[in-house]
Amino acid sequence: MVAIVGAPNAGKSTLVNALVGQKVAIVSPKAQTTRTKLMGVALEGDTQIILVDTPGIFEGKRRFDRAMVQAAWGGAADADLIALVIDAKGGLGLKVETILSGLESRPEPKLLVLNKVDVADKAKLLKHAQTLNERIHFTETLMISASTGDGVADMKARLAAAMPEGPWHFPADQVSDATDRTMAAEVTREQIFNQLYQELPQACAVDTEKYTERQDGSLEIHQQILVARDSQRAIVLGKGGARLKEIGSKARAELSAMLGVKVHLYLHVKVAPNWDEDRMLYRDMGLDWVD
């Protein structure tokens, strides 16, 4: 098991998808897109690598933020190896310092992954690597671009070599531990972020209320999009409901391709000012309730 940790927007989910070879985690330009730990399963020869994609680690003030950070560190709890992913373009800062402080006392072997090297200042790469290795004992430093695939195959081989011997934990054809119901909510949330990330704040969630198979083999999915204020509801709906229709159309197409069946997706937007204080929603998201 490999825990993929890092600051928000370091490219962790993109990296997990690249290592698995297909999409198992949603990605968007918006920070904190990943909200709970998710396992992606990658195969390299006769080695199965369980990749734990974790939320970005940051100084959380709200209960929901603290729950995400707890999920991130919890994802590293049983790992055989921790891979720290750094945005090589963004460089080092307070968020990285917070993670380094948390890693110092952890006994697991640690791998340093400098990501986004295709757009990073090459002169700063070695400086970042030196600074980070002086702070933490990393077994190895890799420079990759998860988005272009540069260095990903080499990283996958290195991870496979570091895995202990033992039985596989998942069937050979399984790529994630997420249920179809969970992935359906994630796909819709990804579309919301990708289409509205400059307009809509972090305060939204997607709850799959109904997920049933029709007699003809197609799927009927009902989801509610939770927002905190009426103004946010108007943003998601768009003029005459056009934005919501576009979100639903693209999410439906992706789900149909992902699940291999026709999908009937029904979306509605609900104003729930305190949705991030709903214990049941935390449970559905796989997050622990934190004080």
C-alpha atoms as a PDB file:
ATOM      1  CA  MET A   1       0.000   0.000   0.000  1.00  0.00           C
ATOM      2  CA  VAL A   2       1.305   3.435  -0.991  1.00  0.00           C
ATOM      3  CA  ALA A   3      -0.139   6.602   0.573  1.00  0.00           C
ATOM      4  CA  ILE A   4      -0.103   9.536  -1.837  1.00  0.00           C
ATOM      5  CA  VAL A   5       0.040  12.696   0.299  1.00  0.00           C
ATOM      6  CA  GLY A   6       0.653  16.344  -0.429  1.00  0.00           C
ATOM      7  CA  ALA A   7      -0.747  19.845  -0.369  1.00  0.00           C
ATOM      8  CA  PRO A   8      -3.986  20.704  -2.208  1.00  0.00           C
ATOM      9  CA  ASN A   9      -3.555  20.829  -5.995  1.00  0.00           C
ATOM     10  CA  ALA A  10      -0.200  19.031  -5.985  1.00  0.00           C
ATOM     11  CA  GLY A  11      -1.579  16.635  -8.616  1.00  0.00           C
ATOM     12  CA  LYS A  12      -2.136  13.579  -6.406  1.00  0.00           C
ATOM     13  CA  SER A  13      -5.356  12.401  -8.051  1.00  0.00           C
ATOM     14  CA  THR A  14      -3.953  12.923 -11.545  1.00  0.00           C
ATOM     15  CA  LEU A  15      -0.952  10.834 -10.517  1.00  0.00           C
ATOM     16  CA  VAL A  16      -3.116   8.030  -9.094  1.00  0.00           C
ATOM     17  CA  ASN A  17      -5.127   7.913 -12.330  1.00  0.00           C
ATOM     18  CA  ALA A  18      -1.928   7.789 -14.382  1.00  0.00           C
ATOM     19  CA  LEU A  19      -0.478   4.949 -12.291  1.00  0.00           C
ATOM     20  CA  VAL A  20      -3.699   2.918 -12.402  1.00  0.00           C
ATOM     21  CA  GLY A  21      -4.037   3.506 -16.144  1.00  0.00           C
ATOM     22  CA  GLN A  22      -7.598   4.805 -16.025  1.00  0.00           C
ATOM     23  CA  LYS A  23      -9.698   7.307 -14.139  1.00  0.00           C
ATOM     24  CA  VAL A  24     -10.480   6.334 -10.556  1.00  0.00           C
ATOM     25  CA  ALA A  25     -10.283   9.768  -8.890  1.00  0.00           C
ATOM     26  CA  ILE A  26     -11.859  13.029 -10.014  1.00  0.00           C
ATOM     27  CA  VAL A  27      -9.637  15.988 -10.828  1.00  0.00           C
ATOM     28  CA  SER A  28     -10.220  19.714 -11.258  1.00  0.00           C
ATOM     29  CA  PRO A  29      -8.266  22.962 -11.047  1.00  0.00           C
ATOM     30  CA  LYS A  30     -10.017  23.677  -7.726  1.00  0.00           C
ATOM     31  CA  ALA A  31      -8.068  22.946  -4.550  1.00  0.00           C
ATOM     32  CA  GLN A  32      -9.359  20.267  -2.147  1.00  0.00           C
ATOM     33  CA  THR A  33     -11.254  18.440  -4.902  1.00  0.00           C
ATOM     34  CA  THR A  34     -10.498  15.095  -3.183  1.00  0.00           C
ATOM     35  CA  ARG A  35     -12.451  14.927   0.068  1.00  0.00           C
ATOM     36  CA  THR A  36     -11.789  11.461   1.419  1.00  0.00           C
ATOM     37  CA  LYS A  37      -9.263   8.705   0.925  1.00  0.00           C
ATOM     38  CA  LEU A  38      -9.826   6.502  -2.096  1.00  0.00           C
ATOM     39  CA  MET A  39      -7.908   3.417  -3.138  1.00  0.00           C
ATOM     40  CA  GLY A  40      -6.725   2.951  -6.701  1.00  0.00           C
ATOM     41  CA  VAL A  41      -5.330  -0.422  -7.728  1.00  0.00           C
ATOM     42  CA  ALA A  42      -2.368  -0.509 -10.115  1.00  0.00           C
ATOM     43  CA  LEU A  43      -0.738  -3.618 -11.579  1.00  0.00           C
ATOM     44  CA  GLU A  44       2.926  -3.930 -12.494  1.00  0.00           C
ATOM     45  CA  GLY A  45       3.790  -7.471 -13.609  1.00  0.00           C
ATOM     46  CA  ASP A  46       2.793  -9.777 -10.766  1.00  0.00           C
ATOM     47  CA  THR A  47       2.721  -6.928  -8.259  1.00  0.00           C
ATOM     48  CA  GLN A  48      -0.455  -5.220  -7.098  1.00  0.00           C
ATOM     49  CA  ILE A  49       0.063  -1.666  -5.817  1.00  0.00           C
ATOM     50  CA  ILE A  50      -2.724  -0.179  -3.713  1.00  0.00           C
ATOM     51  CA  LEU A  51      -2.559   3.595  -4.053  1.00  0.00           C
ATOM     52  CA  VAL A  52      -4.332   5.602  -1.369  1.00  0.00           C
ATOM     53  CA  ASP A  53      -5.334   8.944  -2.850  1.00  0.00           C
ATOM     54  CA  THR A  54      -5.793  11.375   0.033  1.00  0.00           C
ATOM     55  CA  PRO A  55      -7.234  14.873   0.416  1.00  0.00           C
ATOM     56  CA  GLY A  56      -4.737  17.722   0.353  1.00  0.00           C
ATOM     57  CA  ILE A  57      -3.271  18.427   3.771  1.00  0.00           C
ATOM     58  CA  PHE A  58      -3.761  21.987   4.996  1.00  0.00           C
ATOM     59  CA  GLU A  59      -4.591  23.914   8.181  1.00  0.00           C
ATOM     60  CA  GLY A  60      -8.298  23.160   8.482  1.00  0.00           C
ATOM     61  CA  LYS A  61     -10.499  25.524  10.508  1.00  0.00           C
ATOM     62  CA  ARG A  62     -14.000  24.146   9.796  1.00  0.00           C
ATOM     63  CA  ARG A  63     -15.083  20.722  11.027  1.00  0.00           C
ATOM     64  CA  PHE A  64     -15.332  19.572   7.408  1.00  0.00           C
ATOM     65  CA  ASP A  65     -11.778  20.745   6.667  1.00  0.00           C
ATOM     66  CA  ARG A  66     -10.430  18.980   9.760  1.00  0.00           C
ATOM     67  CA  ALA A  67     -12.243  15.788   8.750  1.00  0.00           C
ATOM     68  CA  MET A  68     -10.558  15.883   5.328  1.00  0.00           C
ATOM     69  CA  VAL A  69      -7.114  16.400   6.865  1.00  0.00           C
ATOM     70  CA  GLN A  70      -7.756  13.543   9.300  1.00  0.00           C
ATOM     71  CA  ALA A  71      -8.723  11.340   6.357  1.00  0.00           C
ATOM     72  CA  ALA A  72      -5.445  12.252   4.645  1.00  0.00           C
ATOM     73  CA  TRP A  73      -3.286  11.247   7.594  1.00  0.00           C
ATOM     74  CA  GLY A  74      -5.499   8.206   8.184  1.00  0.00           C
ATOM     75  CA  GLY A  75      -4.761   7.109   4.629  1.00  0.00           C
ATOM     76  CA  ALA A  76      -1.086   6.944   5.521  1.00  0.00           C
ATOM     77  CA  ALA A  77      -1.627   4.920   8.696  1.00  0.00           C
ATOM     78  CA  ASP A  78      -1.213   1.414   7.227  1.00  0.00           C
ATOM     79  CA  ALA A  79       1.007   2.275   4.278  1.00  0.00           C
ATOM     80  CA  ASP A  80       4.158   0.376   3.352  1.00  0.00           C
ATOM     81  CA  LEU A  81       5.416   3.541   1.686  1.00  0.00           C
ATOM     82  CA  ILE A  82       4.460   7.228   1.769  1.00  0.00           C
ATOM     83  CA  ALA A  83       4.878   9.224  -1.439  1.00  0.00           C
ATOM     84  CA  LEU A  84       5.013  12.968  -0.831  1.00  0.00           C
ATOM     85  CA  VAL A  85       3.879  14.772  -3.978  1.00  0.00           C
ATOM     86  CA  ILE A  86       5.141  18.329  -4.405  1.00  0.00           C
ATOM     87  CA  ASP A  87       3.931  20.841  -6.971  1.00  0.00           C
ATOM     88  CA  ALA A  88       7.331  21.646  -8.462  1.00  0.00           C
ATOM     89  CA  LYS A  89       5.909  24.725 -10.173  1.00  0.00           C
ATOM     90  CA  GLY A  90       4.269  26.107  -7.051  1.00  0.00           C
ATOM     91  CA  GLY A  91       7.300  25.401  -4.926  1.00  0.00           C
ATOM     92  CA  LEU A  92       7.525  25.190  -1.147  1.00  0.00           C
ATOM     93  CA  GLY A  93       5.544  27.139   1.401  1.00  0.00           C
ATOM     94  CA  LEU A  94       3.509  26.967   4.582  1.00  0.00           C
ATOM     95  CA  LYS A  95       1.283  24.127   3.335  1.00  0.00           C
ATOM     96  CA  VAL A  96       4.320  21.988   2.495  1.00  0.00           C
ATOM     97  CA  GLU A  97       5.875  22.872   5.853  1.00  0.00           C
ATOM     98  CA  THR A  98       2.736  21.617   7.613  1.00  0.00           C
ATOM     99  CA  ILE A  99       3.054  18.264   5.863  1.00  0.00           C
ATOM    100  CA  LEU A 100       6.780  17.970   6.557  1.00  0.00           C
ATOM    101  CA  SER A 101       6.123  18.520  10.261  1.00  0.00           C
ATOM    102  CA  GLY A 102       3.620  15.670  10.197  1.00  0.00           C
ATOM    103  CA  LEU A 103       5.955  13.355   8.270  1.00  0.00           C
ATOM    104  CA  GLU A 104       9.011  13.807  10.479  1.00  0.00           C
ATOM    105  CA  SER A 105       7.838  11.397  13.153  1.00  0.00           C
ATOM    106  CA  ARG A 106       6.349   8.784  10.838  1.00  0.00           C
ATOM    107  CA  PRO A 107       8.382   5.554  10.601  1.00  0.00           C
ATOM    108  CA  GLU A 108       7.266   4.489   7.100  1.00  0.00           C
ATOM    109  CA  PRO A 109       9.744   4.761   4.188  1.00  0.00           C
ATOM    110  CA  LYS A 110       9.153   7.970   2.269  1.00  0.00           C
ATOM    111  CA  LEU A 111       9.484   8.775  -1.422  1.00  0.00           C
ATOM    112  CA  LEU A 112       9.748  12.354  -2.698  1.00  0.00           C
ATOM    113  CA  VAL A 113       7.858  13.016  -5.936  1.00  0.00           C
ATOM    114  CA  LEU A 114       8.382  16.371  -7.636  1.00  0.00           C
ATOM    115  CA  ASN A 115       5.392  16.712  -9.952  1.00  0.00           C
ATOM    116  CA  LYS A 116       4.590  19.105 -12.837  1.00  0.00           C
ATOM    117  CA  VAL A 117       8.209  19.204 -13.983  1.00  0.00           C
ATOM    118  CA  ASP A 118       6.975  19.957 -17.516  1.00  0.00           C
ATOM    119  CA  VAL A 119       5.919  23.447 -16.416  1.00  0.00           C
ATOM    120  CA  ALA A 120       8.318  24.015 -13.508  1.00  0.00           C
ATOM    121  CA  ASP A 121      11.391  26.205 -13.481  1.00  0.00           C
ATOM    122  CA  LYS A 122      14.159  23.670 -14.097  1.00  0.00           C
ATOM    123  CA  ALA A 123      16.658  25.696 -12.080  1.00  0.00           C
ATOM    124  CA  LYS A 124      14.482  25.346  -8.975  1.00  0.00           C
ATOM    125  CA  LEU A 125      13.938  21.596  -9.179  1.00  0.00           C
ATOM    126  CA  LEU A 126      17.293  20.581  -7.742  1.00  0.00           C
ATOM    127  CA  LYS A 127      17.026  23.285  -5.105  1.00  0.00           C
ATOM    128  CA  HIS A 128      13.613  21.973  -4.009  1.00  0.00           C
ATOM    129  CA  ALA A 129      14.943  18.412  -3.938  1.00  0.00           C
ATOM    130  CA  GLN A 130      17.939  19.424  -1.836  1.00  0.00           C
ATOM    131  CA  THR A 131      15.875  21.468   0.612  1.00  0.00           C
ATOM    132  CA  LEU A 132      13.319  18.717   1.136  1.00  0.00           C
ATOM    133  CA  ASN A 133      15.900  15.937   1.489  1.00  0.00           C
ATOM    134  CA  GLU A 134      17.743  17.963   4.112  1.00  0.00           C
ATOM    135  CA  ARG A 135      14.519  18.100   6.106  1.00  0.00           C
ATOM    136  CA  ILE A 136      13.227  14.530   5.659  1.00  0.00           C
ATOM    137  CA  HIS A 137      15.076  11.295   4.907  1.00  0.00           C
ATOM    138  CA  PHE A 138      13.578  10.197   1.591  1.00  0.00           C
ATOM    139  CA  THR A 139      14.597   6.831   0.176  1.00  0.00           C
ATOM    140  CA  GLU A 140      14.490   8.295  -3.327  1.00  0.00           C
ATOM    141  CA  THR A 141      13.550  11.441  -5.247  1.00  0.00           C
ATOM    142  CA  LEU A 142      11.596  11.210  -8.505  1.00  0.00           C
ATOM    143  CA  MET A 143      10.769  13.968 -10.970  1.00  0.00           C
ATOM    144  CA  ILE A 144       7.606  13.407 -12.983  1.00  0.00           C
ATOM    145  CA  SER A 145       4.690  14.989 -14.804  1.00  0.00           C
ATOM    146  CA  ALA A 146       1.490  13.145 -13.966  1.00  0.00           C
ATOM    147  CA  SER A 147      -0.438  15.044 -16.646  1.00  0.00           C
ATOM    148  CA  THR A 148       1.926  14.181 -19.527  1.00  0.00           C
ATOM    149  CA  GLY A 149       3.020  10.783 -18.178  1.00  0.00           C
ATOM    150  CA  ASP A 150       6.694  11.706 -18.114  1.00  0.00           C
ATOM    151  CA  GLY A 151       8.426   9.558 -15.493  1.00  0.00           C
ATOM    152  CA  VAL A 152       5.218   7.790 -14.417  1.00  0.00           C
ATOM    153  CA  ALA A 153       6.213   4.347 -15.768  1.00  0.00           C
ATOM    154  CA  ASP A 154       9.534   4.556 -13.936  1.00  0.00           C
ATOM    155  CA  MET A 155       7.755   5.573 -10.728  1.00  0.00           C
ATOM    156  CA  LYS A 156       5.351   2.656 -11.060  1.00  0.00           C
ATOM    157  CA  ALA A 157       8.266   0.239 -11.422  1.00  0.00           C
ATOM    158  CA  ARG A 158       9.948   1.737  -8.345  1.00  0.00           C
ATOM    159  CA  LEU A 159       6.768   1.403  -6.302  1.00  0.00           C
ATOM    160  CA  ALA A 160       6.323  -2.219  -7.381  1.00  0.00           C
ATOM    161  CA  ALA A 161       9.876  -3.036  -6.330  1.00  0.00           C
ATOM    162  CA  ALA A 162       9.225  -1.566  -2.881  1.00  0.00           C
ATOM    163  CA  MET A 163       6.074  -3.609  -2.170  1.00  0.00           C
ATOM    164  CA  PRO A 164       6.299  -6.543   0.278  1.00  0.00           C
ATOM    165  CA  GLU A 165       5.436 -10.074  -0.763  1.00  0.00           C
ATOM    166  CA  GLY A 166       1.918 -11.261  -0.029  1.00  0.00           C
ATOM    167  CA  PRO A 167      -1.464 -12.095  -1.535  1.00  0.00           C
ATOM    168  CA  TRP A 168      -3.296  -9.603  -3.718  1.00  0.00           C
ATOM    169  CA  HIS A 169      -5.994  -7.665  -1.862  1.00  0.00           C
ATOM    170  CA  PHE A 170      -8.233  -7.044  -4.897  1.00  0.00           C
ATOM    171  CA  PRO A 171      -9.249  -9.040  -7.997  1.00  0.00           C
ATOM    172  CA  ALA A 172      -7.122  -8.378 -11.077  1.00  0.00           C
ATOM    173  CA  ASP A 173      -9.925  -6.479 -12.841  1.00  0.00           C
ATOM    174  CA  GLN A 174     -10.757  -4.135  -9.942  1.00  0.00           C
ATOM    175  CA  VAL A 175      -9.244  -0.648 -10.167  1.00  0.00           C
ATOM    176  CA  SER A 176     -10.753   1.061  -7.119  1.00  0.00           C
ATOM    177  CA  ASP A 177     -12.479   0.425  -3.796  1.00  0.00           C
ATOM    178  CA  ALA A 178     -15.116   3.086  -4.544  1.00  0.00           C
ATOM    179  CA  THR A 179     -18.675   1.854  -5.150  1.00  0.00           C
ATOM    180  CA  ASP A 180     -20.511   2.786  -8.348  1.00  0.00           C
ATOM    181  CA  ARG A 181     -22.890   4.857  -6.221  1.00  0.00           C
ATOM    182  CA  THR A 182     -19.993   6.838  -4.756  1.00  0.00           C
ATOM    183  CA  MET A 183     -18.334   7.322  -8.138  1.00  0.00           C
ATOM    184  CA  ALA A 184     -21.614   8.599  -9.568  1.00  0.00           C
ATOM    185  CA  ALA A 185     -21.657  11.396  -6.986  1.00  0.00           C
ATOM    186  CA  GLU A 186     -17.988  12.131  -7.617  1.00  0.00           C
ATOM    187  CA  VAL A 187     -18.449  12.392 -11.388  1.00  0.00           C
ATOM    188  CA  THR A 188     -21.233  14.937 -10.938  1.00  0.00           C
ATOM    189  CA  ARG A 189     -19.188  16.896  -8.397  1.00  0.00           C
ATOM    190  CA  GLU A 190     -16.274  16.967 -10.832  1.00  0.00           C
ATOM    191  CA  GLN A 191     -18.506  18.500 -13.496  1.00  0.00           C
ATOM    192  CA  ILE A 192     -19.682  21.156 -11.035  1.00  0.00           C
ATOM    193  CA  PHE A 193     -16.092  22.061 -10.213  1.00  0.00           C
ATOM    194  CA  ASN A 194     -14.890  22.015 -13.810  1.00  0.00           C
ATOM    195  CA  GLN A 195     -17.721  24.223 -15.034  1.00  0.00           C
ATOM    196  CA  LEU A 196     -18.108  26.539 -12.040  1.00  0.00           C
ATOM    197  CA  TYR A 197     -14.841  26.507 -10.089  1.00  0.00           C
ATOM    198  CA  GLN A 198     -14.273  30.227 -10.667  1.00  0.00           C
ATOM    199  CA  GLU A 199     -17.810  31.100  -9.525  1.00  0.00           C
ATOM    200  CA  LEU A 200     -18.796  28.555  -6.905  1.00  0.00           C
ATOM    201  CA  PRO A 201     -16.954  28.273  -3.565  1.00  0.00           C
ATOM    202  CA  GLN A 202     -16.010  24.995  -1.925  1.00  0.00           C
ATOM    203  CA  ALA A 203     -19.343  24.851  -0.124  1.00  0.00           C
ATOM    204  CA  CYS A 204     -21.177  22.258  -2.209  1.00  0.00           C
ATOM    205  CA  ALA A 205     -21.688  18.507  -2.072  1.00  0.00           C
ATOM    206  CA  VAL A 206     -23.453  15.827  -4.114  1.00  0.00           C
ATOM    207  CA  ASP A 207     -25.636  13.234  -2.438  1.00  0.00           C
ATOM    208  CA  THR A 208     -26.833  10.203  -4.428  1.00  0.00           C
ATOM    209  CA  GLU A 209     -30.366   9.644  -3.138  1.00  0.00           C
ATOM    210  CA  LYS A 210     -31.410   6.823  -5.476  1.00  0.00           C
ATOM    211  CA  TYR A 211     -29.390   4.366  -7.570  1.00  0.00           C
ATOM    212  CA  THR A 212     -31.471   1.620  -9.167  1.00  0.00           C
ATOM    213  CA  GLU A 213     -31.318  -0.666 -12.182  1.00  0.00           C
ATOM    214  CA  ARG A 214     -34.270  -0.595 -14.566  1.00  0.00           C
ATOM    215  CA  GLN A 215     -35.697  -3.700 -16.202  1.00  0.00           C
ATOM    216  CA  ASP A 216     -33.950  -2.863 -19.481  1.00  0.00           C
ATOM    217  CA  GLY A 217     -30.557  -2.870 -17.718  1.00  0.00           C
ATOM    218  CA  SER A 218     -30.145   0.902 -17.668  1.00  0.00           C
ATOM    219  CA  LEU A 219     -29.486   2.815 -14.465  1.00  0.00           C
ATOM    220  CA  GLU A 220     -31.666   5.458 -12.854  1.00  0.00           C
ATOM    221  CA  ILE A 221     -29.736   7.837 -10.607  1.00  0.00           C
ATOM    222  CA  HIS A 222     -31.201  10.672  -8.560  1.00  0.00           C
ATOM    223  CA  GLN A 223     -28.814  13.156  -6.946  1.00  0.00           C
ATOM    224  CA  GLN A 224     -29.191  16.337  -4.987  1.00  0.00           C
ATOM    225  CA  ILE A 225     -26.563  19.057  -5.134  1.00  0.00           C
ATOM    226  CA  LEU A 226     -26.242  20.716  -1.740  1.00  0.00           C
ATOM    227  CA  VAL A 227     -25.234  24.369  -1.537  1.00  0.00           C
ATOM    228  CA  ALA A 228     -25.098  26.753   1.398  1.00  0.00           C
ATOM    229  CA  ARG A 229     -26.962  29.794   0.015  1.00  0.00           C
ATOM    230  CA  ASP A 230     -29.662  30.781  -2.472  1.00  0.00           C
ATOM    231  CA  SER A 231     -27.095  32.720  -4.505  1.00  0.00           C
ATOM    232  CA  GLN A 232     -25.066  29.516  -4.957  1.00  0.00           C
ATOM    233  CA  ARG A 233     -28.195  27.646  -6.046  1.00  0.00           C
ATOM    234  CA  ALA A 234     -28.728  30.256  -8.755  1.00  0.00           C
ATOM    235  CA  ILE A 235     -25.134  29.784  -9.957  1.00  0.00           C
ATOM    236  CA  VAL A 236     -25.542  26.000 -10.264  1.00  0.00           C
ATOM    237  CA  LEU A 237     -28.907  26.304 -12.014  1.00  0.00           C
ATOM    238  CA  GLY A 238     -27.778  28.972 -14.480  1.00  0.00           C
ATOM    239  CA  LYS A 239     -30.150  30.997 -16.620  1.00  0.00           C
ATOM    240  CA  GLY A 240     -33.307  28.987 -17.180  1.00  0.00           C
ATOM    241  CA  GLY A 241     -31.613  25.929 -15.655  1.00  0.00           C
ATOM    242  CA  ALA A 242     -29.111  25.769 -18.537  1.00  0.00           C
ATOM    243  CA  ARG A 243     -26.034  25.239 -16.367  1.00  0.00           C
ATOM    244  CA  LEU A 244     -27.585  22.385 -14.423  1.00  0.00           C
ATOM    245  CA  LYS A 245     -28.624  20.726 -17.698  1.00  0.00           C
ATOM    246  CA  GLU A 246     -25.052  21.004 -18.985  1.00  0.00           C
ATOM    247  CA  ILE A 247     -23.641  19.547 -15.760  1.00  0.00           C
ATOM    248  CA  GLY A 248     -26.130  16.676 -15.966  1.00  0.00           C
ATOM    249  CA  SER A 249     -25.483  16.041 -19.641  1.00  0.00           C
ATOM    250  CA  LYS A 250     -21.718  15.727 -19.248  1.00  0.00           C
ATOM    251  CA  ALA A 251     -21.953  13.714 -16.035  1.00  0.00           C
ATOM    252  CA  ARG A 252     -24.479  11.364 -17.667  1.00  0.00           C
ATOM    253  CA  ALA A 253     -22.242  10.795 -20.680  1.00  0.00           C
ATOM    254  CA  GLU A 254     -19.215  10.022 -18.513  1.00  0.00           C
ATOM    255  CA  LEU A 255     -21.157   7.691 -16.251  1.00  0.00           C
ATOM    256  CA  SER A 256     -22.585   5.813 -19.240  1.00  0.00           C
ATOM    257  CA  ALA A 257     -19.080   5.317 -20.638  1.00  0.00           C
ATOM    258  CA  MET A 258     -17.677   4.359 -17.246  1.00  0.00           C
ATOM    259  CA  LEU A 259     -20.441   1.879 -16.334  1.00  0.00           C
ATOM    260  CA  GLY A 260     -21.107   0.555 -19.833  1.00  0.00           C
ATOM    261  CA  VAL A 261     -24.881   1.068 -19.660  1.00  0.00           C
ATOM    262  CA  LYS A 262     -27.383   3.812 -20.420  1.00  0.00           C
ATOM    263  CA  VAL A 263     -27.772   6.189 -17.467  1.00  0.00           C
ATOM    264  CA  HIS A 264     -30.822   8.280 -16.590  1.00  0.00           C
ATOM    265  CA  LEU A 265     -29.492  11.038 -14.328  1.00  0.00           C
ATOM    266  CA  TYR A 266     -31.814  13.383 -12.447  1.00  0.00           C
ATOM    267  CA  LEU A 267     -30.313  16.370 -10.614  1.00  0.00           C
ATOM    268  CA  HIS A 268     -31.835  18.951  -8.335  1.00  0.00           C
ATOM    269  CA  VAL A 269     -30.259  21.681  -6.242  1.00  0.00           C
ATOM    270  CA  LYS A 270     -31.050  22.095  -2.567  1.00  0.00           C
ATOM    271  CA  VAL A 271     -30.082  24.958  -0.258  1.00  0.00           C
ATOM    272  CA  ALA A 272     -28.786  23.426   2.973  1.00  0.00           C
ATOM    273  CA  PRO A 273     -26.881  26.093   4.952  1.00  0.00           C
ATOM    274  CA  ASN A 274     -25.423  23.560   7.387  1.00  0.00           C
ATOM    275  CA  TRP A 275     -24.855  20.602   5.071  1.00  0.00           C
ATOM    276  CA  ASP A 276     -21.273  20.344   6.343  1.00  0.00           C
ATOM    277  CA  GLU A 277     -22.642  19.652   9.842  1.00  0.00           C
ATOM    278  CA  ASP A 278     -24.693  16.627   8.735  1.00  0.00           C
ATOM    279  CA  ARG A 279     -23.296  13.475  10.359  1.00  0.00           C
ATOM    280  CA  MET A 280     -24.984  11.182   7.822  1.00  0.00           C
ATOM    281  CA  LEU A 281     -23.380  13.040   4.920  1.00  0.00           C
ATOM    282  CA  TYR A 282     -19.974  12.595   6.564  1.00  0.00           C
ATOM    283  CA  ARG A 283     -20.664   8.867   6.785  1.00  0.00           C
ATOM    284  CA  ASP A 284     -21.716   8.690   3.145  1.00  0.00           C
ATOM    285  CA  MET A 285     -18.516  10.487   2.129  1.00  0.00           C
ATOM    286  CA  GLY A 286     -16.372   8.137   4.218  1.00  0.00           C
ATOM    287  CA  LEU A 287     -15.307  10.909   6.580  1.00  0.00           C
ATOM    288  CA  ASP A 288     -15.113  10.674  10.362  1.00  0.00           C
ATOM    289  CA  TRP A 289     -16.986  13.184  12.519  1.00  0.00           C
ATOM    290  CA  VAL A 290     -14.334  15.260  14.298  1.00  0.00           C
ATOM    291  CA  ASP A 291     -14.612  17.663  17.220  1.00  0.00           C
END
